[in-house]
Structures are given as structure tokens and as C-alpha cells.
Protein backbone atom coordinates (compact mmCIF):
# COMPACT_ATOMS: atom_id res chain seq x y z
CA UNK A 1 -34.09 117.33 99.87
CA UNK A 2 -33.73 115.98 97.04
CA UNK A 3 -31.68 112.69 96.32
CA UNK A 4 -28.70 113.97 93.83
CA UNK A 5 -27.14 111.39 91.86
CA UNK A 6 -23.24 111.53 92.56
CA UNK A 7 -21.63 109.03 89.83
CA UNK A 8 -20.78 106.50 92.32
CA UNK A 9 -23.51 104.76 93.21
CA UNK A 10 -24.33 102.35 90.54
CA UNK A 11 -27.78 102.09 88.81
CA UNK A 12 -30.25 99.27 88.41
CA UNK A 13 -29.53 98.76 84.41
CA UNK A 14 -25.40 98.45 85.68
CA UNK A 15 -26.49 95.95 88.86
CA UNK A 16 -28.70 93.78 86.17
CA UNK A 17 -26.05 93.58 83.97
CA UNK A 18 -23.60 92.67 86.70
CA UNK A 19 -26.18 89.79 87.95
CA UNK A 20 -26.07 88.65 83.92
CA UNK A 21 -22.52 88.81 83.74
CA UNK A 22 -21.65 87.00 86.93
CA UNK A 23 -24.49 84.53 85.99
CA UNK A 24 -23.32 83.51 82.45
CA UNK A 25 -19.44 83.80 83.69
CA UNK A 26 -20.59 81.53 86.64
CA UNK A 27 -22.13 79.04 83.82
CA UNK A 28 -18.97 78.88 81.52
CA UNK A 29 -17.19 78.18 84.78
CA UNK A 30 -19.35 75.10 85.45
CA UNK A 31 -19.62 74.28 82.10
CA UNK A 32 -16.04 74.17 81.61
CA UNK A 33 -15.46 72.01 85.06
CA UNK A 34 -17.80 69.62 83.96
CA UNK A 35 -16.51 69.09 80.94
CA UNK A 36 -12.90 69.10 82.27
CA UNK A 37 -14.07 66.15 84.94
CA UNK A 38 -15.48 64.03 82.16
CA UNK A 39 -12.41 64.47 80.35
CA UNK A 40 -10.41 63.27 83.16
CA UNK A 41 -12.95 60.66 83.88
CA UNK A 42 -12.93 59.35 80.46
CA UNK A 43 -9.24 59.00 80.50
CA UNK A 44 -9.14 57.07 84.35
CA UNK A 45 -11.37 54.59 82.45
CA UNK A 46 -9.05 54.45 79.45
CA UNK A 47 -6.05 53.81 81.84
CA UNK A 48 -8.19 51.25 83.90
CA UNK A 49 -9.19 49.46 80.62
CA UNK A 50 -5.93 49.40 79.32
CA UNK A 51 -4.09 48.31 82.87
CA UNK A 52 -6.59 45.53 83.01
CA UNK A 53 -5.80 44.36 79.25
CA UNK A 54 -2.63 44.61 79.83
CA UNK A 55 -2.84 42.05 82.94
CA UNK A 56 -4.84 39.59 80.43
CA UNK A 57 -2.85 39.58 78.20
CA UNK A 58 0.58 38.73 80.74
CA UNK A 59 -2.03 36.14 82.25
CA UNK A 60 -2.52 34.46 79.02
CA UNK A 61 0.78 34.52 77.88
CA UNK A 62 2.57 33.24 80.98
CA UNK A 63 -0.40 30.22 81.32
CA UNK A 64 0.40 29.90 77.55
CA UNK A 65 4.53 29.52 78.47
CA UNK A 66 3.29 26.86 81.46
CA UNK A 67 1.03 25.01 79.02
CA UNK A 68 3.87 24.93 76.79
CA UNK A 69 6.81 23.64 79.85
CA UNK A 70 4.38 21.05 80.92
CA UNK A 71 3.66 19.70 77.26
CA UNK A 72 7.59 19.59 77.18
CA UNK A 73 7.85 17.35 80.42
CA UNK A 74 5.28 15.53 79.50
CA UNK A 75 6.96 14.43 75.78
CA UNK A 76 10.67 14.35 77.27
CA UNK A 77 9.52 11.31 80.40
CA UNK A 78 5.97 10.04 80.65
CA UNK A 79 5.16 9.54 76.61
CA UNK A 80 9.02 8.29 75.84
CA UNK A 81 8.53 5.82 78.85
CA UNK A 82 5.32 4.42 78.18
CA UNK A 83 6.64 4.33 74.39
CA UNK A 84 9.53 2.03 75.42
CA UNK A 85 6.73 -0.31 77.33
CA UNK A 86 5.02 -0.33 74.62
CA UNK A 87 7.32 -1.54 71.81
CA UNK A 88 8.69 -3.98 74.88
CA UNK A 89 5.31 -5.11 75.19
CA UNK A 90 4.36 -5.83 71.26
CA UNK A 91 7.95 -7.50 70.61
CA UNK A 92 7.01 -9.79 73.22
CA UNK A 93 3.80 -10.60 72.12
CA UNK A 94 5.64 -10.99 68.61
CA UNK A 95 7.80 -13.62 70.04
CA UNK A 96 5.70 -15.57 72.04
CA UNK A 97 3.48 -15.82 69.36
CA UNK A 98 6.49 -16.70 66.95
CA UNK A 99 7.57 -19.86 69.17
CA UNK A 100 4.26 -21.01 69.50
CA UNK A 101 3.93 -20.47 72.93
CA UNK A 102 0.69 -18.86 74.32
CA UNK A 103 0.88 -15.31 75.55
CA UNK A 104 0.10 -14.49 79.11
CA UNK A 105 -3.24 -12.12 79.87
CA UNK A 106 -0.99 -9.72 81.76
CA UNK A 107 1.19 -9.23 78.31
CA UNK A 108 -1.35 -8.29 76.30
CA UNK A 109 -2.91 -6.08 79.11
CA UNK A 110 0.31 -3.91 79.39
CA UNK A 111 0.28 -3.95 75.58
CA UNK A 112 -3.25 -2.34 75.33
CA UNK A 113 -2.56 -0.25 78.04
CA UNK A 114 0.26 1.28 76.94
CA UNK A 115 -1.21 1.59 73.53
CA UNK A 116 -3.90 3.58 75.02
CA UNK A 117 -2.15 5.76 77.26
CA UNK A 118 0.05 6.88 74.22
CA UNK A 119 -3.02 7.66 72.45
CA UNK A 120 -4.22 9.63 75.46
CA UNK A 121 -1.17 10.93 76.27
CA UNK A 122 -0.82 12.06 72.46
CA UNK A 123 -4.05 13.41 72.51
CA UNK A 124 -3.55 15.65 76.02
CA UNK A 125 -0.49 17.61 74.35
CA UNK A 126 -2.21 18.91 71.24
CA UNK A 127 -4.39 20.46 74.20
CA UNK A 128 -1.24 21.69 75.32
CA UNK A 129 -0.01 22.80 72.63
CA UNK A 130 -2.66 24.83 71.34
CA UNK A 131 -2.61 27.69 70.80
CA UNK A 132 -6.58 28.36 70.78
CA UNK A 133 -8.09 31.42 72.09
CA UNK A 134 -11.53 32.80 72.41
CA UNK A 135 -11.08 34.82 69.43
CA UNK A 136 -10.41 31.41 67.41
CA UNK A 137 -12.37 29.25 68.79
CA UNK A 138 -15.55 29.92 66.63
CA UNK A 139 -18.00 27.91 65.15
CA UNK A 140 -16.62 29.27 61.56
CA UNK A 141 -13.63 26.38 63.08
CA UNK A 142 -15.76 23.24 62.97
CA UNK A 143 -15.06 21.72 60.38
CA UNK A 144 -11.47 21.92 61.17
CA UNK A 145 -12.39 20.10 64.30
CA UNK A 146 -14.43 17.69 63.14
CA UNK A 147 -11.50 16.55 61.14
CA UNK A 148 -9.05 16.23 64.20
CA UNK A 149 -11.80 13.72 65.74
CA UNK A 150 -11.54 11.78 62.42
CA UNK A 151 -7.52 12.14 62.43
CA UNK A 152 -7.65 10.81 65.88
CA UNK A 153 -10.39 7.63 64.95
CA UNK A 154 -13.41 9.26 65.70
CA UNK A 155 -15.78 9.18 62.21
CA UNK A 156 -17.65 12.55 63.07
CA UNK A 157 -20.52 14.22 60.81
CA UNK A 158 -21.70 17.60 60.92
CA UNK A 159 -25.46 18.69 60.42
CA UNK A 160 -26.25 22.10 60.56
CA UNK A 161 -29.87 23.40 60.67
CA UNK A 162 -31.55 27.01 59.92
CA UNK A 163 -30.02 29.75 58.71
CA UNK A 164 -26.60 30.25 59.97
CA UNK A 165 -25.11 33.06 61.08
CA UNK A 166 -23.48 35.50 62.94
CA UNK A 167 -23.73 34.69 66.83
CA UNK A 168 -22.84 36.68 69.99
CA UNK A 169 -18.94 35.69 71.02
CA UNK A 170 -19.53 34.15 74.18
CA UNK A 171 -22.10 32.04 72.90
CA UNK A 172 -20.04 31.17 69.87
CA UNK A 173 -16.88 29.97 71.79
CA UNK A 174 -19.43 28.31 74.37
CA UNK A 175 -20.90 26.07 71.48
CA UNK A 176 -17.55 25.63 70.19
CA UNK A 177 -16.21 24.49 74.02
CA UNK A 178 -18.94 22.11 74.13
CA UNK A 179 -18.37 19.90 70.81
CA UNK A 180 -14.53 19.74 71.45
CA UNK A 181 -14.81 19.03 74.69
CA UNK A 182 -17.68 16.69 73.43
CA UNK A 183 -16.01 14.86 70.67
CA UNK A 184 -12.79 14.05 73.14
CA UNK A 185 -15.08 12.48 75.58
CA UNK A 186 -15.62 9.91 72.88
CA UNK A 187 -12.03 9.83 71.28
CA UNK A 188 -11.10 9.04 75.25
CA UNK A 189 -13.98 7.35 76.89
CA UNK A 190 -16.77 5.90 74.52
CA UNK A 191 -14.09 3.13 73.05
CA UNK A 192 -14.55 2.54 68.87
CA UNK A 193 -17.57 4.67 67.86
CA UNK A 194 -18.45 7.29 65.81
CA UNK A 195 -20.55 10.83 66.79
CA UNK A 196 -22.64 12.90 65.25
CA UNK A 197 -22.58 17.12 65.40
CA UNK A 198 -26.13 19.15 64.66
CA UNK A 199 -26.40 22.57 65.34
CA UNK A 200 -29.92 24.24 65.17
CA UNK A 201 -30.14 28.36 64.31
CA UNK A 202 -33.59 28.64 65.87
CA UNK A 203 -34.64 32.04 66.42
CA UNK A 204 -34.25 32.81 69.88
CA UNK A 205 -31.34 29.94 70.53
CA UNK A 206 -28.56 28.00 68.98
CA UNK A 207 -29.24 23.92 70.06
CA UNK A 208 -26.01 21.78 69.59
CA UNK A 209 -26.75 17.81 70.36
CA UNK A 210 -23.53 15.88 70.29
CA UNK A 211 -24.50 12.13 70.36
CA UNK A 212 -22.31 8.83 70.02
CA UNK A 213 -22.73 5.50 69.97
CA UNK A 214 -20.44 4.16 72.42
CA UNK A 215 -20.11 2.47 75.28
CA UNK A 216 -22.60 4.54 77.70
CA UNK A 217 -25.31 2.87 79.05
CA UNK A 218 -28.24 3.97 80.93
CA UNK A 219 -27.35 1.50 83.53
CA UNK A 220 -24.08 1.82 83.87
CA UNK A 221 -23.84 5.99 83.56
CA UNK A 222 -20.30 7.39 83.82
CA UNK A 223 -18.99 9.29 86.56
CA UNK A 224 -19.30 13.42 85.42
CA UNK A 225 -15.87 14.15 85.13
CA UNK A 226 -13.88 18.23 84.65
CA UNK A 227 -14.72 18.36 81.16
CA UNK A 228 -18.68 17.91 81.84
CA UNK A 229 -19.26 20.24 84.70
CA UNK A 230 -17.26 22.64 82.28
CA UNK A 231 -19.71 22.03 80.23
CA UNK A 232 -22.85 23.54 82.57
CA UNK A 233 -20.88 26.24 83.76
CA UNK A 234 -20.38 27.79 80.55
CA UNK A 235 -24.40 26.85 79.52
CA UNK A 236 -25.44 28.14 83.37
CA UNK A 237 -23.28 31.48 82.83
CA UNK A 238 -25.43 32.13 79.61
CA UNK A 239 -28.63 31.15 80.60
CA UNK A 240 -28.71 28.10 78.85
CA UNK A 241 -29.94 24.49 79.23
CA UNK A 242 -27.82 21.36 79.08
CA UNK A 243 -28.42 17.97 79.07
CA UNK A 244 -26.22 14.90 79.01
CA UNK A 245 -26.28 11.04 80.00
CA UNK A 246 -26.21 8.04 78.31
CA UNK A 247 -28.72 7.08 75.24
CA UNK A 248 -31.52 4.31 75.89
CA UNK A 249 -30.52 2.10 72.55
CA UNK A 250 -26.19 2.66 73.88
CA UNK A 251 -23.90 5.32 74.15
CA UNK A 252 -23.96 9.32 75.04
CA UNK A 253 -25.48 12.76 74.23
CA UNK A 254 -24.60 15.68 75.28
CA UNK A 255 -27.42 18.50 74.07
CA UNK A 256 -27.23 21.81 75.07
CA UNK A 257 -29.69 25.30 74.05
CA UNK A 258 -28.35 28.25 74.71
CA UNK A 259 -30.28 31.37 74.61
CA UNK A 260 -29.19 34.27 71.87
CA UNK A 261 -31.44 37.03 73.49
CA UNK A 262 -30.42 37.03 76.56
CA UNK A 263 -26.37 37.06 74.87
CA UNK A 264 -26.92 39.92 72.69
């Protein structure tokens, strides 16, 4: 008996059209879902980044407030009291010499030690009150850094070799901090001395070297402190190389080589 189409059975063309339509609808639905998922992921990432920035800003603000609080406490207590000791010791030395008496060595030692303590405290207060941050701690301010050292009594020369150019931010900051710490150490520990700062912009690295002609000597190397440890940590984090120590002719040298290709 021949088959008679009654209009209720779908034709092959109709089935194919339905399949294509279903595929297109599925593809569009998947695309829309993927785009929505990507938008959601971006929003989550942006919120996380914003939250991290907010936490960092809050932490920096709290740290700044704490530095200022410590600076005020030091200024109001230690600096004042040590200054009084220095003045009184100076008066006693002056009166002894005026009266033709021999000035006791202990009194001279107190006068010298108190004067040095006042200078170190003022230097510490300057650091605590400083609002330097990574955005402003850059080699563009190297001349200002050298001038501050000169003001503190350390003659400083600066020599730049190679084509001066923009640096990766982490290299720029590390170089600035290394020079800053080295000059601070010269002012505090090297005795009456001068310092030289050399920068060399090489093709694949930045070389930073600070020399002084202070009291350090190979036979009496200074104990490494927090500052030198911090230098080494900065250099190691960038995959660089650091050498610190007394020079053969006297004085101290800090030399850091910071690779540029690894920091880009």
C-alpha cells in the first residue's frame, strides 16, 4: 500500500532546518554565556585589585602616621635631653679652660658622644619624617640625595656614564635606595670622609658604585647591619650582584649590578 503524507510528518528539509536552528541557538547561547562569564571574571579581578590597592593605601597611611608619632616622641624626649647634656658638657669644658684647669677626658668624651648622638637622632628624624615613596624615590632625584648628604657634612661627587635613560621601576627604586643607604652609612659610620657615586648605564645592566675614604679597613671589617642586608635583599630580588666591604686603601665600597633584561 503506497505511503501517503498526511502533513503531520516532518520532511527531511524541515528536520535539517530545525537542527541548524538549534545549533545556531546553542552557539549563540554559549557565546553569550562565555561573554557574561568573562565579564564577571573581569569584574571580580577589578574588585580584588581595587581591594588590594585600598589595603595597601591604608597600610601606607598607618605606617606614615606611626613614623610621625615615633618622630615626635624622639624629638620631644631623647633629642631634648641629649641636647641639654651636650650644652652642659660644653659649658663645663668652657669654664674649665677659662679657669686654666685641665679638662677631664671623660667630660670631653661626653661632649663628643652627645654631639654625635644629636646628629644621628636628627638624621633618624629626617628619615622618619620623610614622605618618600616608590613613586618619588627615583634616580631623577639623585642630585637632591647628594645635596642632602653634603648638608649632613659628607662631600659627595656624582659621575654618570653611558646613555642615561628610563629604567624599570623596580631597578630605579633599588638603585636609589642603595645609594641612599650607602650615603647614610657614610654619614653615620665612616667618620670625617667624602664619598663618590658612580652610575653606569650599560646595555643589559645598571652598575651602581659608592666609595668613601672613611675609617673602614680590610683588617677591621665592619659588622653588616640591617641596611646592608636590605641592599642585598633588593639586589637578589632582581637577580643582580652586590659587593660590599672595606677597600684596600681604606674606606668602604658598595657596588651593585642590576640586570635590566630580567626586570622588564
